[in-house]
Amino acid sequence: MSSNKTIIPGMEDAYTDLPQNHRQSEPKPHDGTFVPNPFGTVPNNVPNQKPVVGFLYSISRTSAGEYWPLHIGSNSIGRSADCDICLSEATVSDQHAVLVVRQMKNPEKIIASICDARSTCGTMINGESLGFDQRECFNGDIITIGEHYDLFFILIDAKQIGLNVCHEFMSTQASNNTPINTNPYAAPAFNRYTQGYDEGNAVSQGGTVGLDESGNKPVTKPGGTIFM
């Protein structure tokens, strides 16, 4: 992947896995692309990642469903583990396509486009071959990567639909005996399906979370899909 970085105020540490005490000085705008105040506001407790502005959803591999977050900027799609959206399927090229999400200023809105990265089996939108041209994507589009991966495209313009950062949001601290779940796509630690269930152990091992035949007790299966 490119060494260029998109830098967003308050999220500078999102692009390195080094410990805090080994990190270099904060990147400056000339180190990469600088995005000032995405969506108009930046909360004090922004997560260490680029803003999530959409998702790709698929049941091509499993009826339990899979999904991948889309971030502002470039989202690479392919079979390579280096891709932002890694699709492990034989007809998907290592570097297959690039989906770009951009915040426009005038008019103020979020748009997305996709282009094929000279893949072997090609890319389609709603059944139409993309070729090598860049094509705008809209909510509800079906993006086909290779021969078998159909992805349902969801774009979220938070400001347009009236979602805003709550500056009075009150976070709660976990107790000393409660492990903090840092995996945003893991099953919830406690709900009506997971009472008495050791969620931390299942997440560390990876697996599918579901219910047994009685419909009461959570069970795990190999893999990484979560369903209820």
C-alpha atoms as a PDB file:
ATOM      1  CA  MET A   1       0.000   0.000   0.000  1.00  0.00           C
ATOM      2  CA  SER A   2       1.075   3.597  -0.479  1.00  0.00           C
ATOM      3  CA  SER A   3       3.219   5.197   2.213  1.00  0.00           C
ATOM      4  CA  ASN A   4       1.223   8.429   1.921  1.00  0.00           C
ATOM      5  CA  LYS A   5      -1.005   9.081   4.889  1.00  0.00           C
ATOM      6  CA  THR A   6      -4.267  10.898   5.377  1.00  0.00           C
ATOM      7  CA  ILE A   7      -3.903  12.879   8.587  1.00  0.00           C
ATOM      8  CA  ILE A   8      -6.965  13.943  10.560  1.00  0.00           C
ATOM      9  CA  PRO A   9      -6.660  16.227  13.610  1.00  0.00           C
ATOM     10  CA  GLY A  10      -6.851  14.208  16.811  1.00  0.00           C
ATOM     11  CA  MET A  11      -6.256  10.911  14.951  1.00  0.00           C
ATOM     12  CA  GLU A  12      -2.542  11.201  14.194  1.00  0.00           C
ATOM     13  CA  ASP A  13      -1.625   8.061  16.174  1.00  0.00           C
ATOM     14  CA  ALA A  14      -4.009   5.863  14.164  1.00  0.00           C
ATOM     15  CA  TYR A  15      -1.398   5.088  11.516  1.00  0.00           C
ATOM     16  CA  THR A  16       1.272   3.373  13.591  1.00  0.00           C
ATOM     17  CA  ASP A  17       1.326   0.246  15.738  1.00  0.00           C
ATOM     18  CA  LEU A  18       4.349   1.408  17.752  1.00  0.00           C
ATOM     19  CA  PRO A  19       3.948   1.842  21.512  1.00  0.00           C
ATOM     20  CA  GLN A  20       3.276   5.370  22.671  1.00  0.00           C
ATOM     21  CA  ASN A  21       6.786   5.814  24.074  1.00  0.00           C
ATOM     22  CA  HIS A  22       8.356   4.779  20.733  1.00  0.00           C
ATOM     23  CA  ARG A  23       6.297   7.000  18.478  1.00  0.00           C
ATOM     24  CA  GLN A  24       7.883   9.877  16.672  1.00  0.00           C
ATOM     25  CA  SER A  25       6.654  13.441  16.857  1.00  0.00           C
ATOM     26  CA  GLU A  26       3.148  14.092  15.560  1.00  0.00           C
ATOM     27  CA  PRO A  27       2.980  14.148  11.746  1.00  0.00           C
ATOM     28  CA  LYS A  28       2.736  17.509  10.059  1.00  0.00           C
ATOM     29  CA  PRO A  29       0.399  18.321   7.157  1.00  0.00           C
ATOM     30  CA  HIS A  30       3.262  18.076   4.668  1.00  0.00           C
ATOM     31  CA  ASP A  31       3.832  14.419   5.654  1.00  0.00           C
ATOM     32  CA  GLY A  32       0.665  13.380   3.816  1.00  0.00           C
ATOM     33  CA  THR A  33      -2.901  14.459   3.118  1.00  0.00           C
ATOM     34  CA  PHE A  34      -4.392  16.679   5.821  1.00  0.00           C
ATOM     35  CA  VAL A  35      -8.170  16.551   6.398  1.00  0.00           C
ATOM     36  CA  PRO A  36      -9.343  19.521   8.504  1.00  0.00           C
ATOM     37  CA  ASN A  37     -12.288  18.847  10.810  1.00  0.00           C
ATOM     38  CA  PRO A  38     -14.124  16.016   9.014  1.00  0.00           C
ATOM     39  CA  PHE A  39     -17.927  16.394   9.262  1.00  0.00           C
ATOM     40  CA  GLY A  40     -17.492  19.882  10.724  1.00  0.00           C
ATOM     41  CA  THR A  41     -16.703  18.851  14.316  1.00  0.00           C
ATOM     42  CA  VAL A  42     -14.057  16.802  16.076  1.00  0.00           C
ATOM     43  CA  PRO A  43     -14.980  15.421  19.518  1.00  0.00           C
ATOM     44  CA  ASN A  44     -12.385  15.294  22.275  1.00  0.00           C
ATOM     45  CA  ASN A  45     -12.548  11.492  22.495  1.00  0.00           C
ATOM     46  CA  VAL A  46     -12.223  10.616  18.792  1.00  0.00           C
ATOM     47  CA  PRO A  47     -11.187   6.977  18.192  1.00  0.00           C
ATOM     48  CA  ASN A  48      -7.771   6.188  16.772  1.00  0.00           C
ATOM     49  CA  GLN A  49      -8.997   5.577  13.238  1.00  0.00           C
ATOM     50  CA  LYS A  50     -10.309   7.459  10.239  1.00  0.00           C
ATOM     51  CA  PRO A  51     -14.065   8.121  10.454  1.00  0.00           C
ATOM     52  CA  VAL A  52     -16.325   5.244   9.397  1.00  0.00           C
ATOM     53  CA  VAL A  53     -18.659   6.534   6.679  1.00  0.00           C
ATOM     54  CA  GLY A  54     -20.194   3.326   5.350  1.00  0.00           C
ATOM     55  CA  PHE A  55     -20.056  -0.432   5.054  1.00  0.00           C
ATOM     56  CA  LEU A  56     -19.855  -3.272   2.555  1.00  0.00           C
ATOM     57  CA  TYR A  57     -22.097  -6.237   3.418  1.00  0.00           C
ATOM     58  CA  SER A  58     -22.099  -9.678   1.840  1.00  0.00           C
ATOM     59  CA  ILE A  59     -23.550 -13.161   2.230  1.00  0.00           C
ATOM     60  CA  SER A  60     -21.584 -14.585  -0.710  1.00  0.00           C
ATOM     61  CA  ARG A  61     -19.302 -16.656   1.517  1.00  0.00           C
ATOM     62  CA  THR A  62     -21.688 -17.414   4.377  1.00  0.00           C
ATOM     63  CA  SER A  63     -25.375 -16.887   5.084  1.00  0.00           C
ATOM     64  CA  ALA A  64     -24.381 -15.578   8.526  1.00  0.00           C
ATOM     65  CA  GLY A  65     -23.144 -12.456   6.733  1.00  0.00           C
ATOM     66  CA  GLU A  66     -19.926 -10.463   6.643  1.00  0.00           C
ATOM     67  CA  TYR A  67     -19.295  -6.722   6.732  1.00  0.00           C
ATOM     68  CA  TRP A  68     -16.375  -4.361   6.332  1.00  0.00           C
ATOM     69  CA  PRO A  69     -16.245  -0.687   7.420  1.00  0.00           C
ATOM     70  CA  LEU A  70     -15.532   2.011   4.846  1.00  0.00           C
ATOM     71  CA  HIS A  71     -13.424   4.950   5.976  1.00  0.00           C
ATOM     72  CA  ILE A  72     -13.061   8.458   4.609  1.00  0.00           C
ATOM     73  CA  GLY A  73     -10.392   8.373   1.895  1.00  0.00           C
ATOM     74  CA  SER A  74      -9.098   5.384  -0.036  1.00  0.00           C
ATOM     75  CA  ASN A  75     -10.292   1.826   0.736  1.00  0.00           C
ATOM     76  CA  SER A  76      -8.368  -0.891  -1.103  1.00  0.00           C
ATOM     77  CA  ILE A  77     -10.186  -4.125  -1.989  1.00  0.00           C
ATOM     78  CA  GLY A  78      -8.468  -7.401  -2.847  1.00  0.00           C
ATOM     79  CA  ARG A  79      -7.224 -10.808  -1.770  1.00  0.00           C
ATOM     80  CA  SER A  80      -4.008  -9.480  -0.246  1.00  0.00           C
ATOM     81  CA  ALA A  81      -3.880  -9.172   3.532  1.00  0.00           C
ATOM     82  CA  ASP A  82      -2.540  -5.647   2.985  1.00  0.00           C
ATOM     83  CA  CYS A  83      -5.910  -4.522   1.581  1.00  0.00           C
ATOM     84  CA  ASP A  84      -8.326  -2.590   3.754  1.00  0.00           C
ATOM     85  CA  ILE A  85     -11.082  -4.995   2.628  1.00  0.00           C
ATOM     86  CA  CYS A  86      -9.567  -8.461   2.304  1.00  0.00           C
ATOM     87  CA  LEU A  87     -11.682 -10.943   0.314  1.00  0.00           C
ATOM     88  CA  SER A  88     -10.296 -14.480   0.402  1.00  0.00           C
ATOM     89  CA  GLU A  89     -11.704 -15.849  -2.847  1.00  0.00           C
ATOM     90  CA  ALA A  90      -9.859 -17.366  -5.813  1.00  0.00           C
ATOM     91  CA  THR A  91     -11.242 -15.013  -8.496  1.00  0.00           C
ATOM     92  CA  VAL A  92     -10.354 -11.894  -6.487  1.00  0.00           C
ATOM     93  CA  SER A  93      -7.003 -10.345  -7.448  1.00  0.00           C
ATOM     94  CA  ASP A  94      -4.441  -9.387  -4.809  1.00  0.00           C
ATOM     95  CA  GLN A  95      -5.074  -5.697  -5.543  1.00  0.00           C
ATOM     96  CA  HIS A  96      -8.509  -5.766  -7.155  1.00  0.00           C
ATOM     97  CA  ALA A  97     -10.241  -2.390  -6.779  1.00  0.00           C
ATOM     98  CA  VAL A  98     -10.112   0.905  -4.903  1.00  0.00           C
ATOM     99  CA  LEU A  99     -13.177   2.547  -3.362  1.00  0.00           C
ATOM    100  CA  VAL A 100     -12.700   6.220  -2.459  1.00  0.00           C
ATOM    101  CA  VAL A 101     -14.997   8.137  -0.098  1.00  0.00           C
ATOM    102  CA  ARG A 102     -14.673  11.908  -0.108  1.00  0.00           C
ATOM    103  CA  GLN A 103     -16.261  14.775   1.799  1.00  0.00           C
ATOM    104  CA  MET A 104     -17.304  17.536  -0.594  1.00  0.00           C
ATOM    105  CA  LYS A 105     -17.426  21.181   0.480  1.00  0.00           C
ATOM    106  CA  ASN A 106     -19.707  22.767  -2.110  1.00  0.00           C
ATOM    107  CA  PRO A 107     -22.249  21.288  -2.054  1.00  0.00           C
ATOM    108  CA  GLU A 108     -21.504  19.775   1.365  1.00  0.00           C
ATOM    109  CA  LYS A 109     -22.021  16.042   1.078  1.00  0.00           C
ATOM    110  CA  ILE A 110     -20.234  12.692   1.094  1.00  0.00           C
ATOM    111  CA  ILE A 111     -19.635  10.903  -2.200  1.00  0.00           C
ATOM    112  CA  ALA A 112     -17.974   7.630  -3.166  1.00  0.00           C
ATOM    113  CA  SER A 113     -16.488   6.141  -6.309  1.00  0.00           C
ATOM    114  CA  ILE A 114     -14.828   2.876  -7.257  1.00  0.00           C
ATOM    115  CA  CYS A 115     -12.323   1.910  -9.932  1.00  0.00           C
ATOM    116  CA  ASP A 116     -10.884  -1.436 -10.949  1.00  0.00           C
ATOM    117  CA  ALA A 117      -7.165  -1.838 -10.209  1.00  0.00           C
ATOM    118  CA  ARG A 118      -6.456  -3.808 -13.418  1.00  0.00           C
ATOM    119  CA  SER A 119      -7.773  -7.016 -11.890  1.00  0.00           C
ATOM    120  CA  THR A 120      -7.956 -10.305 -13.776  1.00  0.00           C
ATOM    121  CA  CYS A 121     -11.684 -11.054 -13.395  1.00  0.00           C
ATOM    122  CA  GLY A 122     -12.949  -7.486 -13.243  1.00  0.00           C
ATOM    123  CA  THR A 123     -15.439  -5.486 -11.186  1.00  0.00           C
ATOM    124  CA  MET A 124     -19.157  -4.869 -11.741  1.00  0.00           C
ATOM    125  CA  ILE A 125     -21.740  -2.457 -10.347  1.00  0.00           C
ATOM    126  CA  ASN A 126     -25.338  -3.701 -10.443  1.00  0.00           C
ATOM    127  CA  GLY A 127     -24.378  -6.334 -12.998  1.00  0.00           C
ATOM    128  CA  GLU A 128     -22.597  -3.913 -15.372  1.00  0.00           C
ATOM    129  CA  SER A 129     -18.869  -4.333 -15.978  1.00  0.00           C
ATOM    130  CA  LEU A 130     -16.818  -1.427 -14.733  1.00  0.00           C
ATOM    131  CA  GLY A 131     -13.876  -1.741 -17.114  1.00  0.00           C
ATOM    132  CA  PHE A 132     -11.106   0.657 -16.125  1.00  0.00           C
ATOM    133  CA  ASP A 133     -13.337   3.705 -15.666  1.00  0.00           C
ATOM    134  CA  GLN A 134     -14.055   5.233 -12.296  1.00  0.00           C
ATOM    135  CA  ARG A 135     -17.734   5.015 -11.330  1.00  0.00           C
ATOM    136  CA  GLU A 136     -19.710   6.803  -8.607  1.00  0.00           C
ATOM    137  CA  CYS A 137     -21.345   4.517  -6.035  1.00  0.00           C
ATOM    138  CA  PHE A 138     -24.758   5.059  -4.484  1.00  0.00           C
ATOM    139  CA  ASN A 139     -26.564   3.560  -1.499  1.00  0.00           C
ATOM    140  CA  GLY A 140     -27.934   0.131  -2.345  1.00  0.00           C
ATOM    141  CA  ASP A 141     -25.517  -0.588  -5.213  1.00  0.00           C
ATOM    142  CA  ILE A 142     -24.305  -4.173  -5.576  1.00  0.00           C
ATOM    143  CA  ILE A 143     -20.549  -4.239  -6.219  1.00  0.00           C
ATOM    144  CA  THR A 144     -19.288  -7.545  -7.609  1.00  0.00           C
ATOM    145  CA  ILE A 145     -15.603  -8.260  -7.026  1.00  0.00           C
ATOM    146  CA  GLY A 146     -14.295 -11.087  -9.191  1.00  0.00           C
ATOM    147  CA  GLU A 147     -16.796 -13.760 -10.137  1.00  0.00           C
ATOM    148  CA  HIS A 148     -18.429 -14.552  -6.815  1.00  0.00           C
ATOM    149  CA  TYR A 149     -18.212 -11.759  -4.222  1.00  0.00           C
ATOM    150  CA  ASP A 150     -21.325  -9.531  -4.207  1.00  0.00           C
ATOM    151  CA  LEU A 151     -21.049  -6.579  -1.820  1.00  0.00           C
ATOM    152  CA  PHE A 152     -24.011  -4.407  -0.777  1.00  0.00           C
ATOM    153  CA  PHE A 153     -22.831  -0.785  -0.590  1.00  0.00           C
ATOM    154  CA  ILE A 154     -23.957   1.419   2.315  1.00  0.00           C
ATOM    155  CA  LEU A 155     -22.864   5.072   2.477  1.00  0.00           C
ATOM    156  CA  ILE A 156     -23.649   7.104   5.594  1.00  0.00           C
ATOM    157  CA  ASP A 157     -23.732  10.905   5.439  1.00  0.00           C
ATOM    158  CA  ALA A 158     -24.125  11.568   9.161  1.00  0.00           C
ATOM    159  CA  LYS A 159     -24.774  15.276   8.849  1.00  0.00           C
ATOM    160  CA  GLN A 160     -27.355  14.851   6.100  1.00  0.00           C
ATOM    161  CA  ILE A 161     -29.390  12.348   8.095  1.00  0.00           C
ATOM    162  CA  GLY A 162     -29.118  14.371  11.301  1.00  0.00           C
ATOM    163  CA  LEU A 163     -26.549  12.396  13.306  1.00  0.00           C
ATOM    164  CA  ASN A 164     -24.204  14.565  15.373  1.00  0.00           C
ATOM    165  CA  VAL A 165     -21.459  14.153  17.944  1.00  0.00           C
ATOM    166  CA  CYS A 166     -22.902  14.489  21.452  1.00  0.00           C
ATOM    167  CA  HIS A 167     -20.530  16.756  23.375  1.00  0.00           C
ATOM    168  CA  GLU A 168     -22.277  15.847  26.652  1.00  0.00           C
ATOM    169  CA  PHE A 169     -21.769  12.095  26.122  1.00  0.00           C
ATOM    170  CA  MET A 170     -20.950  10.412  29.456  1.00  0.00           C
ATOM    171  CA  SER A 171     -18.688   7.374  29.123  1.00  0.00           C
ATOM    172  CA  THR A 172     -18.620   4.758  31.879  1.00  0.00           C
ATOM    173  CA  GLN A 173     -15.517   3.064  33.241  1.00  0.00           C
ATOM    174  CA  ALA A 174     -15.419  -0.739  33.350  1.00  0.00           C
ATOM    175  CA  SER A 175     -14.848  -2.269  36.785  1.00  0.00           C
ATOM    176  CA  ASN A 176     -11.499  -3.842  37.617  1.00  0.00           C
ATOM    177  CA  ASN A 177     -13.025  -7.307  37.233  1.00  0.00           C
ATOM    178  CA  THR A 178     -14.615  -6.607  33.854  1.00  0.00           C
ATOM    179  CA  PRO A 179     -12.351  -6.959  30.786  1.00  0.00           C
ATOM    180  CA  ILE A 180     -12.604  -4.111  28.321  1.00  0.00           C
ATOM    181  CA  ASN A 181     -13.580  -5.323  24.861  1.00  0.00           C
ATOM    182  CA  THR A 182     -11.419  -3.499  22.304  1.00  0.00           C
ATOM    183  CA  ASN A 183     -12.773  -5.398  19.291  1.00  0.00           C
ATOM    184  CA  PRO A 184     -15.567  -3.279  17.727  1.00  0.00           C
ATOM    185  CA  TYR A 185     -16.917  -6.262  15.761  1.00  0.00           C
ATOM    186  CA  ALA A 186     -16.964  -8.768  18.627  1.00  0.00           C
ATOM    187  CA  ALA A 187     -20.108 -10.093  20.285  1.00  0.00           C
ATOM    188  CA  PRO A 188     -21.348  -7.988  23.231  1.00  0.00           C
ATOM    189  CA  ALA A 189     -19.964  -9.036  26.609  1.00  0.00           C
ATOM    190  CA  PHE A 190     -23.372  -9.195  28.311  1.00  0.00           C
ATOM    191  CA  ASN A 191     -26.902  -9.284  26.972  1.00  0.00           C
ATOM    192  CA  ARG A 192     -29.895 -11.566  27.065  1.00  0.00           C
ATOM    193  CA  TYR A 193     -28.092 -14.019  24.751  1.00  0.00           C
ATOM    194  CA  THR A 194     -24.747 -14.042  26.531  1.00  0.00           C
ATOM    195  CA  GLN A 195     -25.579 -14.206  30.247  1.00  0.00           C
ATOM    196  CA  GLY A 196     -22.944 -16.304  31.955  1.00  0.00           C
ATOM    197  CA  TYR A 197     -20.920 -16.500  28.739  1.00  0.00           C
ATOM    198  CA  ASP A 198     -17.162 -15.887  28.783  1.00  0.00           C
ATOM    199  CA  GLU A 199     -17.037 -13.504  25.808  1.00  0.00           C
ATOM    200  CA  GLY A 200     -13.406 -12.581  26.371  1.00  0.00           C
ATOM    201  CA  ASN A 201     -12.298 -16.198  25.898  1.00  0.00           C
ATOM    202  CA  ALA A 202     -14.230 -16.574  22.629  1.00  0.00           C
ATOM    203  CA  VAL A 203     -12.857 -13.347  21.201  1.00  0.00           C
ATOM    204  CA  SER A 204      -9.272 -14.285  22.028  1.00  0.00           C
ATOM    205  CA  GLN A 205      -9.691 -17.587  20.202  1.00  0.00           C
ATOM    206  CA  GLY A 206     -11.781 -16.169  17.358  1.00  0.00           C
ATOM    207  CA  GLY A 207     -14.966 -17.839  16.246  1.00  0.00           C
ATOM    208  CA  THR A 208     -18.605 -17.647  15.366  1.00  0.00           C
ATOM    209  CA  VAL A 209     -20.951 -16.779  18.225  1.00  0.00           C
ATOM    210  CA  GLY A 210     -24.461 -18.258  18.184  1.00  0.00           C
ATOM    211  CA  LEU A 211     -27.055 -20.212  20.138  1.00  0.00           C
ATOM    212  CA  ASP A 212     -27.330 -23.939  20.703  1.00  0.00           C
ATOM    213  CA  GLU A 213     -30.355 -25.958  19.621  1.00  0.00           C
ATOM    214  CA  SER A 214     -32.256 -25.014  22.780  1.00  0.00           C
ATOM    215  CA  GLY A 215     -31.960 -21.352  21.798  1.00  0.00           C
ATOM    216  CA  ASN A 216     -30.600 -20.343  25.208  1.00  0.00           C
ATOM    217  CA  LYS A 217     -26.904 -21.058  25.562  1.00  0.00           C
ATOM    218  CA  PRO A 218     -24.282 -19.313  23.390  1.00  0.00           C
ATOM    219  CA  VAL A 219     -21.917 -21.581  21.516  1.00  0.00           C
ATOM    220  CA  THR A 220     -18.835 -20.938  19.402  1.00  0.00           C
ATOM    221  CA  LYS A 221     -17.726 -22.302  16.054  1.00  0.00           C
ATOM    222  CA  PRO A 222     -14.421 -21.811  14.191  1.00  0.00           C
ATOM    223  CA  GLY A 223     -14.238 -18.679  12.052  1.00  0.00           C
ATOM    224  CA  GLY A 224     -14.823 -15.006  12.644  1.00  0.00           C
ATOM    225  CA  THR A 225     -18.501 -14.336  11.957  1.00  0.00           C
ATOM    226  CA  ILE A 226     -20.877 -13.151  14.661  1.00  0.00           C
ATOM    227  CA  PHE A 227     -24.563 -14.027  14.570  1.00  0.00           C
ATOM    228  CA  MET A 228     -27.510 -14.366  16.942  1.00  0.00           C
END
